[in-house]
């Protein structure tokens, strides 16, 4: 059920931008995107699930109260020239929800430019990780509709390490079934900065940008970065898939999510996540943040009891 609608921002320059995913599980990127767009003076409207969430948004965006499966009416959707599409790929209904929203956009008849965040690997037809497969399903639907679109394929987020903060602090160990695999860890702020540039400039239609940090790191490398930043010993435990799944279920993940994570860890083990690109620098003019610098900025989150 859709609630009430806030005032939409007025069109200026590239037009009005609708940002989804600014709150909840995806706010790592969405919230920072609103900050980046505010810095650019862009005309922005944020989509929120409940009215109260609008009070905490950065900048002075307009807002609409809606959801992916309860999208704004056609008359509201026609106000937007560009739409940032982001939802959690780790939710089982992710592809279905985004498809419902995309169909509403298409039915409204405006044909805005869609900027969709995906997990790196979605563009590889041989990648069978369910999270990437869901993104690929949504991309196929977008392409079939012929809507102008840009895909931002993000590497493994540095922010995922925050989920293990308490365990790392308590045990001095980063545990993951990743073997010797590497990933091009990227900070959410860099993905947001790239998205802001794409949303406020021309020439990005039908492009796929792979967004990574400055280097591919294995989990043992990550443990060494922790040790260097926090001045206490952190080791890497290469978990068995069985132990990892048991721990994930105990933490509250569903079996579908746990199995998807194991698929992603196997993909990492096999070298699928080791890509490093210069795309963040090429889009924004600034190099991506290193893991060591990100850990320094996130010190409070890892040291707080």
Protein backbone atom coordinates (compact mmCIF):
# COMPACT_ATOMS: atom_id res chain seq x y z
CA UNK A 1 0.00 0.00 0.00
CA UNK A 2 1.35 3.41 -1.00
CA UNK A 3 1.28 6.21 1.51
CA UNK A 4 1.31 9.95 0.91
CA UNK A 5 3.69 11.82 -1.35
CA UNK A 6 6.08 14.59 -0.46
CA UNK A 7 6.76 17.54 -2.75
CA UNK A 8 8.79 16.58 -5.80
CA UNK A 9 11.90 18.56 -6.57
CA UNK A 10 11.73 20.84 -9.59
CA UNK A 11 13.49 19.93 -12.82
CA UNK A 12 16.84 21.60 -13.44
CA UNK A 13 19.77 20.61 -15.63
CA UNK A 14 19.58 16.84 -16.08
CA UNK A 15 16.05 16.81 -14.69
CA UNK A 16 14.57 15.23 -11.60
CA UNK A 17 16.29 12.15 -10.17
CA UNK A 18 14.46 9.48 -8.18
CA UNK A 19 16.64 7.58 -5.72
CA UNK A 20 15.53 4.21 -4.37
CA UNK A 21 17.41 2.27 -1.70
CA UNK A 22 18.32 5.31 0.41
CA UNK A 23 17.19 3.66 3.63
CA UNK A 24 17.22 0.17 5.11
CA UNK A 25 19.60 -2.61 4.08
CA UNK A 26 20.95 -0.72 1.06
CA UNK A 27 21.58 2.66 2.70
CA UNK A 28 25.35 2.11 2.58
CA UNK A 29 25.14 3.30 -1.02
CA UNK A 30 21.78 5.05 -1.25
CA UNK A 31 22.29 7.43 1.67
CA UNK A 32 25.77 8.36 0.47
CA UNK A 33 24.37 8.91 -3.01
CA UNK A 34 21.92 11.47 -1.64
CA UNK A 35 24.86 13.23 0.03
CA UNK A 36 26.83 13.25 -3.25
CA UNK A 37 23.86 14.52 -5.25
CA UNK A 38 23.22 17.26 -2.69
CA UNK A 39 26.83 18.38 -3.13
CA UNK A 40 26.21 18.58 -6.88
CA UNK A 41 23.03 20.62 -6.41
CA UNK A 42 20.98 18.01 -8.23
CA UNK A 43 17.18 17.92 -8.13
CA UNK A 44 16.47 14.76 -6.17
CA UNK A 45 13.48 12.88 -4.86
CA UNK A 46 14.01 9.94 -2.51
CA UNK A 47 11.65 6.98 -2.30
CA UNK A 48 11.02 5.91 1.29
CA UNK A 49 8.87 3.13 2.72
CA UNK A 50 7.42 5.22 5.56
CA UNK A 51 7.02 8.97 5.97
CA UNK A 52 9.20 9.13 9.09
CA UNK A 53 12.29 8.01 7.13
CA UNK A 54 12.24 11.23 5.09
CA UNK A 55 13.23 13.34 8.10
CA UNK A 56 16.67 11.70 8.30
CA UNK A 57 17.66 12.04 4.64
CA UNK A 58 20.72 14.18 3.81
CA UNK A 59 20.30 17.37 1.86
CA UNK A 60 16.82 18.67 1.09
CA UNK A 61 15.37 16.10 -1.31
CA UNK A 62 11.71 15.72 -2.06
CA UNK A 63 10.31 12.33 -1.22
CA UNK A 64 7.64 9.84 -2.16
CA UNK A 65 6.34 7.13 0.12
CA UNK A 66 6.29 3.91 -1.89
CA UNK A 67 7.95 0.52 -2.30
CA UNK A 68 9.27 -1.49 -5.22
CA UNK A 69 6.16 -3.70 -5.21
CA UNK A 70 3.92 -0.75 -4.39
CA UNK A 71 5.38 1.85 -6.75
CA UNK A 72 4.23 5.44 -7.13
CA UNK A 73 1.35 6.01 -9.57
CA UNK A 74 2.10 6.65 -13.23
CA UNK A 75 1.56 10.38 -12.85
CA UNK A 76 4.28 10.56 -10.22
CA UNK A 77 6.71 8.30 -12.10
CA UNK A 78 6.38 10.51 -15.17
CA UNK A 79 7.97 13.36 -13.18
CA UNK A 80 11.37 11.65 -13.22
CA UNK A 81 14.07 11.88 -15.89
CA UNK A 82 16.53 9.51 -14.20
CA UNK A 83 15.94 6.74 -11.70
CA UNK A 84 18.53 5.11 -9.44
CA UNK A 85 17.47 1.50 -8.84
CA UNK A 86 18.91 -0.29 -5.82
CA UNK A 87 17.62 -3.09 -3.65
CA UNK A 88 19.27 -5.88 -1.69
CA UNK A 89 20.24 -8.77 -3.97
CA UNK A 90 20.44 -10.92 -0.86
CA UNK A 91 16.67 -10.89 -0.47
CA UNK A 92 14.97 -13.83 -2.16
CA UNK A 93 12.30 -11.64 -3.82
CA UNK A 94 14.86 -9.12 -5.09
CA UNK A 95 14.42 -9.80 -8.83
CA UNK A 96 10.63 -10.02 -8.58
CA UNK A 97 10.34 -6.73 -6.70
CA UNK A 98 12.59 -4.83 -9.10
CA UNK A 99 10.71 -6.28 -12.08
CA UNK A 100 7.38 -5.02 -10.68
CA UNK A 101 8.88 -1.55 -10.25
CA UNK A 102 10.41 -1.54 -13.73
CA UNK A 103 7.10 -2.56 -15.27
CA UNK A 104 5.43 0.38 -13.52
CA UNK A 105 8.08 2.72 -14.93
CA UNK A 106 7.57 1.36 -18.44
CA UNK A 107 3.77 1.57 -18.16
CA UNK A 108 4.01 5.24 -17.10
CA UNK A 109 5.39 6.01 -20.57
CA UNK A 110 8.18 8.48 -19.69
CA UNK A 111 11.21 6.24 -20.49
CA UNK A 112 13.61 7.67 -17.88
CA UNK A 113 17.27 6.69 -17.82
CA UNK A 114 17.66 3.87 -15.27
CA UNK A 115 20.92 3.54 -13.31
CA UNK A 116 20.91 0.10 -11.70
CA UNK A 117 23.39 -1.22 -9.15
CA UNK A 118 24.31 -4.88 -9.58
CA UNK A 119 26.86 -7.21 -8.06
CA UNK A 120 30.00 -7.61 -10.16
CA UNK A 121 29.68 -10.97 -11.88
CA UNK A 122 26.10 -10.42 -13.04
CA UNK A 123 27.45 -9.62 -16.49
CA UNK A 124 29.19 -13.03 -16.70
CA UNK A 125 26.73 -15.64 -18.03
CA UNK A 126 28.84 -18.36 -16.42
CA UNK A 127 28.47 -16.87 -12.92
CA UNK A 128 25.78 -18.91 -11.20
CA UNK A 129 25.78 -17.17 -7.82
CA UNK A 130 22.09 -16.62 -7.15
CA UNK A 131 22.55 -12.97 -6.21
CA UNK A 132 24.24 -12.19 -9.52
CA UNK A 133 21.78 -14.40 -11.38
CA UNK A 134 18.92 -12.31 -9.97
CA UNK A 135 20.59 -9.10 -11.18
CA UNK A 136 21.08 -10.73 -14.59
CA UNK A 137 17.37 -11.58 -14.71
CA UNK A 138 16.43 -7.96 -13.98
CA UNK A 139 18.93 -6.70 -16.57
CA UNK A 140 17.44 -8.99 -19.21
CA UNK A 141 14.00 -7.58 -18.45
CA UNK A 142 15.25 -4.00 -18.68
CA UNK A 143 16.98 -4.71 -21.96
CA UNK A 144 13.87 -6.39 -23.37
CA UNK A 145 11.82 -3.29 -22.56
CA UNK A 146 14.36 -1.10 -24.33
CA UNK A 147 14.64 1.42 -21.49
CA UNK A 148 17.84 3.50 -21.44
CA UNK A 149 19.99 1.96 -18.72
CA UNK A 150 23.43 2.03 -17.11
CA UNK A 151 24.65 -0.85 -14.94
CA UNK A 152 27.02 -0.26 -12.04
CA UNK A 153 28.60 -3.63 -11.20
CA UNK A 154 30.02 -3.26 -7.70
CA UNK A 155 32.71 -5.49 -6.23
CA UNK A 156 32.39 -6.90 -2.72
CA UNK A 157 31.62 -4.00 -0.39
CA UNK A 158 34.08 -3.18 2.37
CA UNK A 159 31.01 -2.51 4.53
CA UNK A 160 30.21 -6.23 4.60
CA UNK A 161 33.09 -6.55 7.07
CA UNK A 162 31.00 -4.62 9.59
CA UNK A 163 28.77 -7.69 9.94
CA UNK A 164 31.76 -9.49 11.47
CA UNK A 165 32.93 -6.65 13.70
CA UNK A 166 31.87 -8.23 16.99
CA UNK A 167 33.33 -11.64 16.08
CA UNK A 168 36.62 -10.10 14.93
CA UNK A 169 36.88 -8.07 18.12
CA UNK A 170 36.06 -11.09 20.30
CA UNK A 171 38.16 -13.78 18.57
CA UNK A 172 40.85 -11.85 16.71
CA UNK A 173 39.89 -13.87 13.62
CA UNK A 174 38.21 -13.22 10.28
CA UNK A 175 36.44 -16.45 9.39
CA UNK A 176 35.24 -17.09 5.82
CA UNK A 177 35.20 -20.06 3.41
CA UNK A 178 37.09 -18.04 0.79
CA UNK A 179 40.28 -20.08 0.45
CA UNK A 180 43.01 -18.08 -1.24
CA UNK A 181 40.54 -16.18 -3.41
CA UNK A 182 40.81 -12.42 -3.83
CA UNK A 183 38.21 -9.67 -4.24
CA UNK A 184 38.40 -6.10 -5.52
CA UNK A 185 36.86 -4.69 -2.32
CA UNK A 186 35.11 -1.36 -2.89
CA UNK A 187 33.83 1.27 -0.47
CA UNK A 188 30.14 2.14 -0.70
CA UNK A 189 31.07 5.82 -0.86
CA UNK A 190 32.99 5.21 -4.09
CA UNK A 191 30.02 3.40 -5.64
CA UNK A 192 27.81 6.32 -4.59
CA UNK A 193 30.24 8.86 -6.09
CA UNK A 194 30.30 6.96 -9.38
CA UNK A 195 26.50 6.74 -9.39
CA UNK A 196 26.20 10.48 -8.75
CA UNK A 197 28.41 11.22 -11.73
CA UNK A 198 26.45 8.91 -14.02
CA UNK A 199 23.14 10.38 -12.86
CA UNK A 200 24.23 13.97 -13.47
CA UNK A 201 26.09 13.71 -16.77
CA UNK A 202 25.45 12.51 -20.31
CA UNK A 203 26.93 9.66 -22.31
CA UNK A 204 26.36 6.64 -20.07
CA UNK A 205 23.39 4.89 -21.68
CA UNK A 206 23.81 1.17 -22.37
CA UNK A 207 27.12 1.07 -20.49
CA UNK A 208 28.24 -1.34 -17.78
CA UNK A 209 30.77 0.01 -15.31
CA UNK A 210 32.63 -2.41 -13.01
CA UNK A 211 33.44 -0.57 -9.78
CA UNK A 212 36.25 -1.85 -7.55
CA UNK A 213 38.74 -0.65 -5.02
CA UNK A 214 42.43 -0.10 -5.85
CA UNK A 215 43.58 -3.70 -5.29
CA UNK A 216 42.42 -7.31 -5.10
CA UNK A 217 42.83 -8.67 -1.59
CA UNK A 218 42.40 -12.12 -0.11
CA UNK A 219 40.91 -12.53 3.34
CA UNK A 220 44.39 -13.12 4.74
CA UNK A 221 45.38 -9.74 3.30
CA UNK A 222 42.29 -8.23 4.91
CA UNK A 223 43.34 -9.69 8.28
CA UNK A 224 46.79 -8.13 7.87
CA UNK A 225 45.19 -4.74 7.15
CA UNK A 226 43.17 -5.06 10.36
CA UNK A 227 46.35 -5.82 12.31
CA UNK A 228 48.11 -2.81 10.83
CA UNK A 229 45.29 -0.34 11.47
CA UNK A 230 44.19 -1.48 14.92
CA UNK A 231 47.57 -2.64 16.26
CA UNK A 232 46.27 -6.02 17.42
CA UNK A 233 46.72 -9.41 15.86
CA UNK A 234 43.96 -10.52 13.49
CA UNK A 235 44.22 -13.86 11.69
CA UNK A 236 42.27 -15.47 8.88
CA UNK A 237 40.42 -18.75 9.35
CA UNK A 238 39.53 -20.52 6.10
CA UNK A 239 36.25 -22.04 7.24
CA UNK A 240 34.71 -25.16 5.80
CA UNK A 241 31.46 -24.48 3.90
CA UNK A 242 29.60 -26.56 6.48
CA UNK A 243 30.89 -24.51 9.43
CA UNK A 244 30.26 -21.27 7.58
CA UNK A 245 26.67 -22.24 6.76
CA UNK A 246 25.99 -23.22 10.37
CA UNK A 247 27.34 -19.85 11.56
CA UNK A 248 25.28 -17.94 8.99
CA UNK A 249 22.07 -19.68 10.00
CA UNK A 250 22.85 -19.03 13.66
CA UNK A 251 23.28 -15.33 12.85
CA UNK A 252 19.74 -15.16 11.45
CA UNK A 253 20.23 -15.63 7.73
CA UNK A 254 17.68 -17.75 5.90
CA UNK A 255 18.80 -21.00 4.22
CA UNK A 256 18.39 -19.27 0.84
CA UNK A 257 20.69 -16.44 1.91
CA UNK A 258 23.25 -18.77 3.50
CA UNK A 259 23.44 -20.92 0.39
CA UNK A 260 23.78 -17.82 -1.78
CA UNK A 261 26.68 -16.64 0.36
CA UNK A 262 28.36 -20.02 -0.02
CA UNK A 263 27.96 -19.78 -3.78
CA UNK A 264 29.58 -16.35 -3.69
CA UNK A 265 32.46 -17.59 -1.54
CA UNK A 266 33.03 -20.44 -4.00
CA UNK A 267 33.07 -17.87 -6.81
CA UNK A 268 35.68 -15.92 -4.83
CA UNK A 269 37.71 -19.10 -4.26
CA UNK A 270 37.71 -19.73 -8.00
CA UNK A 271 39.04 -16.24 -8.79
CA UNK A 272 35.80 -14.72 -10.07
CA UNK A 273 35.91 -11.70 -7.76
CA UNK A 274 39.54 -10.67 -8.32
CA UNK A 275 38.81 -7.98 -10.92
CA UNK A 276 40.35 -4.54 -10.39
CA UNK A 277 39.42 -1.59 -12.60
CA UNK A 278 40.19 2.13 -12.86
CA UNK A 279 36.50 2.94 -13.40
CA UNK A 280 35.93 4.85 -10.15
CA UNK A 281 38.79 7.19 -11.01
CA UNK A 282 37.69 7.48 -14.64
CA UNK A 283 34.14 8.45 -13.64
CA UNK A 284 34.81 10.65 -10.63
CA UNK A 285 38.35 11.94 -11.08
CA UNK A 286 39.35 10.50 -7.70
CA UNK A 287 40.93 7.15 -6.93
CA UNK A 288 38.92 4.65 -4.88
CA UNK A 289 39.52 4.34 -1.17
CA UNK A 290 41.91 1.64 0.00
CA UNK A 291 40.79 -0.92 2.56
CA UNK A 292 43.37 0.35 5.03
CA UNK A 293 42.03 3.90 4.79
CA UNK A 294 38.44 2.66 5.03
CA UNK A 295 39.28 0.68 8.18
CA UNK A 296 40.82 3.80 9.68
CA UNK A 297 37.66 5.78 8.96
CA UNK A 298 35.54 2.93 10.40
CA UNK A 299 37.64 2.51 13.54
CA UNK A 300 34.80 3.26 15.94
CA UNK A 301 32.59 0.57 14.46
CA UNK A 302 35.22 -2.11 14.99
CA UNK A 303 36.47 -1.01 18.40
CA UNK A 304 33.17 -0.16 20.08
CA UNK A 305 31.85 -2.87 22.44
